[in-house]
PDB file of N, CA and C in Angstrom:
ATOM      1  N   UNK A   1       9.257  17.420   8.117  1.00  0.00           N
ATOM      2  CA  UNK A   1       7.835  17.205   8.297  1.00  0.00           C
ATOM      3  C   UNK A   1       7.158  16.935   6.954  1.00  0.00           C
ATOM      4  N   UNK A   2       7.604  17.665   5.942  1.00  0.00           N
ATOM      5  CA  UNK A   2       7.028  17.480   4.615  1.00  0.00           C
ATOM      6  C   UNK A   2       7.289  16.066   4.104  1.00  0.00           C
ATOM      7  N   UNK A   3       8.472  15.555   4.371  1.00  0.00           N
ATOM      8  CA  UNK A   3       8.828  14.200   3.936  1.00  0.00           C
ATOM      9  C   UNK A   3       7.943  13.163   4.611  1.00  0.00           C
ATOM     10  N   UNK A   4       7.674  13.376   5.888  1.00  0.00           N
ATOM     11  CA  UNK A   4       6.816  12.446   6.625  1.00  0.00           C
ATOM     12  C   UNK A   4       5.407  12.445   6.050  1.00  0.00           C
ATOM     13  N   UNK A   5       4.883  13.605   5.756  1.00  0.00           N
ATOM     14  CA  UNK A   5       3.532  13.688   5.197  1.00  0.00           C
ATOM     15  C   UNK A   5       3.461  13.037   3.819  1.00  0.00           C
ATOM     16  N   UNK A   6       4.491  13.200   3.025  1.00  0.00           N
ATOM     17  CA  UNK A   6       4.516  12.550   1.715  1.00  0.00           C
ATOM     18  C   UNK A   6       4.568  11.032   1.859  1.00  0.00           C
ATOM     19  N   UNK A   7       5.356  10.549   2.811  1.00  0.00           N
ATOM     20  CA  UNK A   7       5.443   9.105   3.037  1.00  0.00           C
ATOM     21  C   UNK A   7       4.101   8.560   3.508  1.00  0.00           C
ATOM     22  N   UNK A   8       3.433   9.280   4.388  1.00  0.00           N
ATOM     23  CA  UNK A   8       2.114   8.849   4.845  1.00  0.00           C
ATOM     24  C   UNK A   8       1.103   8.877   3.699  1.00  0.00           C
ATOM     25  N   UNK A   9       1.207   9.874   2.859  1.00  0.00           N
ATOM     26  CA  UNK A   9       0.326   9.941   1.697  1.00  0.00           C
ATOM     27  C   UNK A   9       0.534   8.777   0.755  1.00  0.00           C
ATOM     28  N   UNK A  10       1.782   8.404   0.564  1.00  0.00           N
ATOM     29  CA  UNK A  10       2.072   7.257  -0.303  1.00  0.00           C
ATOM     30  C   UNK A  10       1.570   5.955   0.307  1.00  0.00           C
ATOM     31  N   UNK A  11       1.691   5.825   1.611  1.00  0.00           N
ATOM     32  CA  UNK A  11       1.180   4.624   2.270  1.00  0.00           C
ATOM     33  C   UNK A  11      -0.339   4.554   2.132  1.00  0.00           C
ATOM     34  N   UNK A  12      -1.001   5.683   2.290  1.00  0.00           N
ATOM     35  CA  UNK A  12      -2.458   5.718   2.127  1.00  0.00           C
ATOM     36  C   UNK A  12      -2.843   5.395   0.687  1.00  0.00           C
ATOM     37  N   UNK A  13      -2.081   5.911  -0.260  1.00  0.00           N
ATOM     38  CA  UNK A  13      -2.356   5.622  -1.665  1.00  0.00           C
ATOM     39  C   UNK A  13      -2.164   4.137  -1.964  1.00  0.00           C
ATOM     40  N   UNK A  14      -1.141   3.533  -1.394  1.00  0.00           N
ATOM     41  CA  UNK A  14      -0.911   2.098  -1.584  1.00  0.00           C
ATOM     42  C   UNK A  14      -2.069   1.297  -1.011  1.00  0.00           C
ATOM     43  N   UNK A  15      -2.558   1.697   0.154  1.00  0.00           N
ATOM     44  CA  UNK A  15      -3.693   1.022   0.780  1.00  0.00           C
ATOM     45  C   UNK A  15      -4.921   1.098  -0.127  1.00  0.00           C
ATOM     46  N   UNK A  16      -5.213   2.284  -0.644  1.00  0.00           N
ATOM     47  CA  UNK A  16      -6.375   2.442  -1.511  1.00  0.00           C
ATOM     48  C   UNK A  16      -6.205   1.697  -2.833  1.00  0.00           C
ATOM     49  N   UNK A  17      -4.981   1.646  -3.330  1.00  0.00           N
ATOM     50  CA  UNK A  17      -4.710   0.909  -4.554  1.00  0.00           C
ATOM     51  C   UNK A  17      -4.975  -0.577  -4.370  1.00  0.00           C
ATOM     52  N   UNK A  18      -4.504  -1.138  -3.271  1.00  0.00           N
ATOM     53  CA  UNK A  18      -4.731  -2.563  -3.001  1.00  0.00           C
ATOM     54  C   UNK A  18      -6.218  -2.836  -2.817  1.00  0.00           C
ATOM     55  N   UNK A  19      -6.922  -1.963  -2.099  1.00  0.00           N
ATOM     56  CA  UNK A  19      -8.362  -2.155  -1.928  1.00  0.00           C
ATOM     57  C   UNK A  19      -9.096  -2.067  -3.260  1.00  0.00           C
ATOM     58  N   UNK A  20      -8.671  -1.160  -4.127  1.00  0.00           N
ATOM     59  CA  UNK A  20      -9.300  -1.043  -5.439  1.00  0.00           C
ATOM     60  C   UNK A  20      -9.089  -2.281  -6.286  1.00  0.00           C
ATOM     61  N   UNK A  21      -7.884  -2.815  -6.252  1.00  0.00           N
ATOM     62  CA  UNK A  21      -7.604  -4.041  -7.006  1.00  0.00           C
ATOM     63  C   UNK A  21      -8.424  -5.198  -6.457  1.00  0.00           C
ATOM     64  N   UNK A  22      -8.525  -5.280  -5.136  1.00  0.00           N
ATOM     65  CA  UNK A  22      -9.319  -6.350  -4.524  1.00  0.00           C
ATOM     66  C   UNK A  22     -10.799  -6.214  -4.888  1.00  0.00           C
ATOM     67  N   UNK A  23     -11.294  -4.997  -4.993  1.00  0.00           N
ATOM     68  CA  UNK A  23     -12.704  -4.791  -5.340  1.00  0.00           C
ATOM     69  C   UNK A  23     -12.989  -5.228  -6.773  1.00  0.00           C
ATOM     70  N   UNK A  24     -11.993  -5.158  -7.644  1.00  0.00           N
ATOM     71  CA  UNK A  24     -12.197  -5.540  -9.043  1.00  0.00           C
ATOM     72  C   UNK A  24     -12.146  -7.051  -9.264  1.00  0.00           C
ATOM     73  N   UNK A  25     -11.587  -7.774  -8.308  1.00  0.00           N
ATOM     74  CA  UNK A  25     -11.480  -9.223  -8.461  1.00  0.00           C
ATOM     75  C   UNK A  25     -12.840  -9.887  -8.267  1.00  0.00           C
ATOM     76  N   UNK A  26     -13.049 -11.033  -8.897  1.00  0.00           N
ATOM     77  CA  UNK A  26     -14.292 -11.775  -8.675  1.00  0.00           C
ATOM     78  C   UNK A  26     -14.417 -12.209  -7.207  1.00  0.00           C
ATOM     79  N   UNK A  27     -15.640 -12.417  -6.760  1.00  0.00           N
ATOM     80  CA  UNK A  27     -15.912 -12.749  -5.354  1.00  0.00           C
ATOM     81  C   UNK A  27     -15.172 -14.016  -4.918  1.00  0.00           C
ATOM     82  N   UNK A  28     -15.107 -15.014  -5.779  1.00  0.00           N
ATOM     83  CA  UNK A  28     -14.433 -16.269  -5.409  1.00  0.00           C
ATOM     84  C   UNK A  28     -12.953 -16.039  -5.147  1.00  0.00           C
ATOM     85  N   UNK A  29     -12.328 -15.204  -5.936  1.00  0.00           N
ATOM     86  CA  UNK A  29     -10.902 -14.921  -5.753  1.00  0.00           C
ATOM     87  C   UNK A  29     -10.706 -14.105  -4.476  1.00  0.00           C
ATOM     88  N   UNK A  30     -11.579 -13.111  -4.250  1.00  0.00           N
ATOM     89  CA  UNK A  30     -11.476 -12.273  -3.052  1.00  0.00           C
ATOM     90  C   UNK A  30     -11.560 -13.110  -1.778  1.00  0.00           C
ATOM     91  N   UNK A  31     -12.448 -14.080  -1.776  1.00  0.00           N
ATOM     92  CA  UNK A  31     -12.607 -14.922  -0.588  1.00  0.00           C
ATOM     93  C   UNK A  31     -11.429 -15.881  -0.411  1.00  0.00           C
ATOM     94  N   UNK A  32     -10.773 -16.243  -1.498  1.00  0.00           N
ATOM     95  CA  UNK A  32      -9.656 -17.183  -1.431  1.00  0.00           C
ATOM     96  C   UNK A  32      -8.366 -16.519  -0.950  1.00  0.00           C
ATOM     97  N   UNK A  33      -8.248 -15.205  -1.134  1.00  0.00           N
ATOM     98  CA  UNK A  33      -7.023 -14.499  -0.741  1.00  0.00           C
ATOM     99  C   UNK A  33      -7.083 -14.212   0.762  1.00  0.00           C
ATOM    100  N   UNK A  34      -6.097 -14.683   1.523  1.00  0.00           N
ATOM    101  CA  UNK A  34      -6.096 -14.426   2.972  1.00  0.00           C
ATOM    102  C   UNK A  34      -5.887 -12.935   3.277  1.00  0.00           C
ATOM    103  N   UNK A  35      -6.425 -12.487   4.397  1.00  0.00           N
ATOM    104  CA  UNK A  35      -6.309 -11.087   4.787  1.00  0.00           C
ATOM    105  C   UNK A  35      -4.847 -10.697   5.038  1.00  0.00           C
ATOM    106  N   UNK A  36      -4.046 -11.633   5.467  1.00  0.00           N
ATOM    107  CA  UNK A  36      -2.629 -11.354   5.705  1.00  0.00           C
ATOM    108  C   UNK A  36      -1.889 -10.960   4.438  1.00  0.00           C
ATOM    109  N   UNK A  37      -2.301 -11.525   3.315  1.00  0.00           N
ATOM    110  CA  UNK A  37      -1.672 -11.176   2.043  1.00  0.00           C
ATOM    111  C   UNK A  37      -1.996  -9.732   1.684  1.00  0.00           C
ATOM    112  N   UNK A  38      -3.231  -9.332   1.913  1.00  0.00           N
ATOM    113  CA  UNK A  38      -3.630  -7.953   1.619  1.00  0.00           C
ATOM    114  C   UNK A  38      -2.864  -6.992   2.517  1.00  0.00           C
ATOM    115  N   UNK A  39      -2.798  -7.272   3.792  1.00  0.00           N
ATOM    116  CA  UNK A  39      -2.054  -6.423   4.724  1.00  0.00           C
ATOM    117  C   UNK A  39      -0.577  -6.376   4.393  1.00  0.00           C
ATOM    118  N   UNK A  40      -0.026  -7.504   3.999  1.00  0.00           N
ATOM    119  CA  UNK A  40       1.387  -7.545   3.614  1.00  0.00           C
ATOM    120  C   UNK A  40       1.666  -6.711   2.376  1.00  0.00           C
ATOM    121  N   UNK A  41       0.760  -6.756   1.418  1.00  0.00           N
ATOM    122  CA  UNK A  41       0.935  -5.946   0.209  1.00  0.00           C
ATOM    123  C   UNK A  41       0.904  -4.460   0.540  1.00  0.00           C
ATOM    124  N   UNK A  42       0.014  -4.067   1.433  1.00  0.00           N
ATOM    125  CA  UNK A  42      -0.062  -2.664   1.837  1.00  0.00           C
ATOM    126  C   UNK A  42       1.222  -2.244   2.549  1.00  0.00           C
ATOM    127  N   UNK A  43       1.732  -3.090   3.430  1.00  0.00           N
ATOM    128  CA  UNK A  43       2.967  -2.762   4.138  1.00  0.00           C
ATOM    129  C   UNK A  43       4.162  -2.654   3.192  1.00  0.00           C
ATOM    130  N   UNK A  44       4.257  -3.571   2.256  1.00  0.00           N
ATOM    131  CA  UNK A  44       5.382  -3.547   1.311  1.00  0.00           C
ATOM    132  C   UNK A  44       5.316  -2.298   0.438  1.00  0.00           C
ATOM    133  N   UNK A  45       4.145  -1.999  -0.111  1.00  0.00           N
ATOM    134  CA  UNK A  45       4.018  -0.813  -0.962  1.00  0.00           C
ATOM    135  C   UNK A  45       4.258   0.465  -0.167  1.00  0.00           C
ATOM    136  N   UNK A  46       3.764   0.519   1.063  1.00  0.00           N
ATOM    137  CA  UNK A  46       4.011   1.684   1.909  1.00  0.00           C
ATOM    138  C   UNK A  46       5.477   1.821   2.269  1.00  0.00           C
ATOM    139  N   UNK A  47       6.134   0.714   2.551  1.00  0.00           N
ATOM    140  CA  UNK A  47       7.564   0.741   2.872  1.00  0.00           C
ATOM    141  C   UNK A  47       8.414   1.186   1.702  1.00  0.00           C
ATOM    142  N   UNK A  48       8.067   0.719   0.514  1.00  0.00           N
ATOM    143  CA  UNK A  48       8.800   1.144  -0.681  1.00  0.00           C
ATOM    144  C   UNK A  48       8.611   2.640  -0.909  1.00  0.00           C
ATOM    145  N   UNK A  49       7.394   3.110  -0.725  1.00  0.00           N
ATOM    146  CA  UNK A  49       7.135   4.541  -0.888  1.00  0.00           C
ATOM    147  C   UNK A  49       7.877   5.374   0.135  1.00  0.00           C
ATOM    148  N   UNK A  50       7.903   4.914   1.379  1.00  0.00           N
ATOM    149  CA  UNK A  50       8.612   5.642   2.432  1.00  0.00           C
ATOM    150  C   UNK A  50      10.119   5.626   2.181  1.00  0.00           C
ATOM    151  N   UNK A  51      10.624   4.508   1.728  1.00  0.00           N
ATOM    152  CA  UNK A  51      12.055   4.405   1.446  1.00  0.00           C
ATOM    153  C   UNK A  51      12.467   5.359   0.331  1.00  0.00           C
ATOM    154  N   UNK A  52      11.639   5.448  -0.690  1.00  0.00           N
ATOM    155  CA  UNK A  52      11.935   6.364  -1.796  1.00  0.00           C
ATOM    156  C   UNK A  52      11.876   7.808  -1.336  1.00  0.00           C
ATOM    157  N   UNK A  53      10.935   8.110  -0.441  1.00  0.00           N
ATOM    158  CA  UNK A  53      10.798   9.484   0.059  1.00  0.00           C
ATOM    159  C   UNK A  53      12.018   9.868   0.904  1.00  0.00           C
ATOM    160  N   UNK A  54      12.505   8.952   1.717  1.00  0.00           N
ATOM    161  CA  UNK A  54      13.671   9.229   2.562  1.00  0.00           C
ATOM    162  C   UNK A  54      14.909   9.362   1.697  1.00  0.00           C
ATOM    163  N   UNK A  55      15.028   8.545   0.688  1.00  0.00           N
ATOM    164  CA  UNK A  55      16.195   8.592  -0.188  1.00  0.00           C
ATOM    165  C   UNK A  55      16.271   9.925  -0.925  1.00  0.00           C
ATOM    166  N   UNK A  56      15.133  10.494  -1.319  1.00  0.00           N
ATOM    167  CA  UNK A  56      15.120  11.772  -2.023  1.00  0.00           C
ATOM    168  C   UNK A  56      15.505  12.926  -1.114  1.00  0.00           C
ATOM    169  N   UNK A  57      15.237  12.795   0.190  1.00  0.00           N
ATOM    170  CA  UNK A  57      15.465  13.908   1.112  1.00  0.00           C
ATOM    171  C   UNK A  57      16.957  14.149   1.358  1.00  0.00           C
ATOM    172  N   UNK A  58      17.780  13.179   1.125  1.00  0.00           N
ATOM    173  CA  UNK A  58      19.209  13.332   1.411  1.00  0.00           C
ATOM    174  C   UNK A  58      19.874  14.289   0.523  1.00  0.00           C
TER     175      UNK A  58
END
């Protein structure tokens, strides 16, 4: 259960990190980046975090 909560925490942190980076970009760049790219970045960062958490539990 602890591993699951850590993985969820890392996914949430990745989501907030991507949103923070997007907030720092100029408006023209933000509008040019498709929403799918943002969602994909969150999924990849969350997956990497979850994979690392599972690997440590073994």
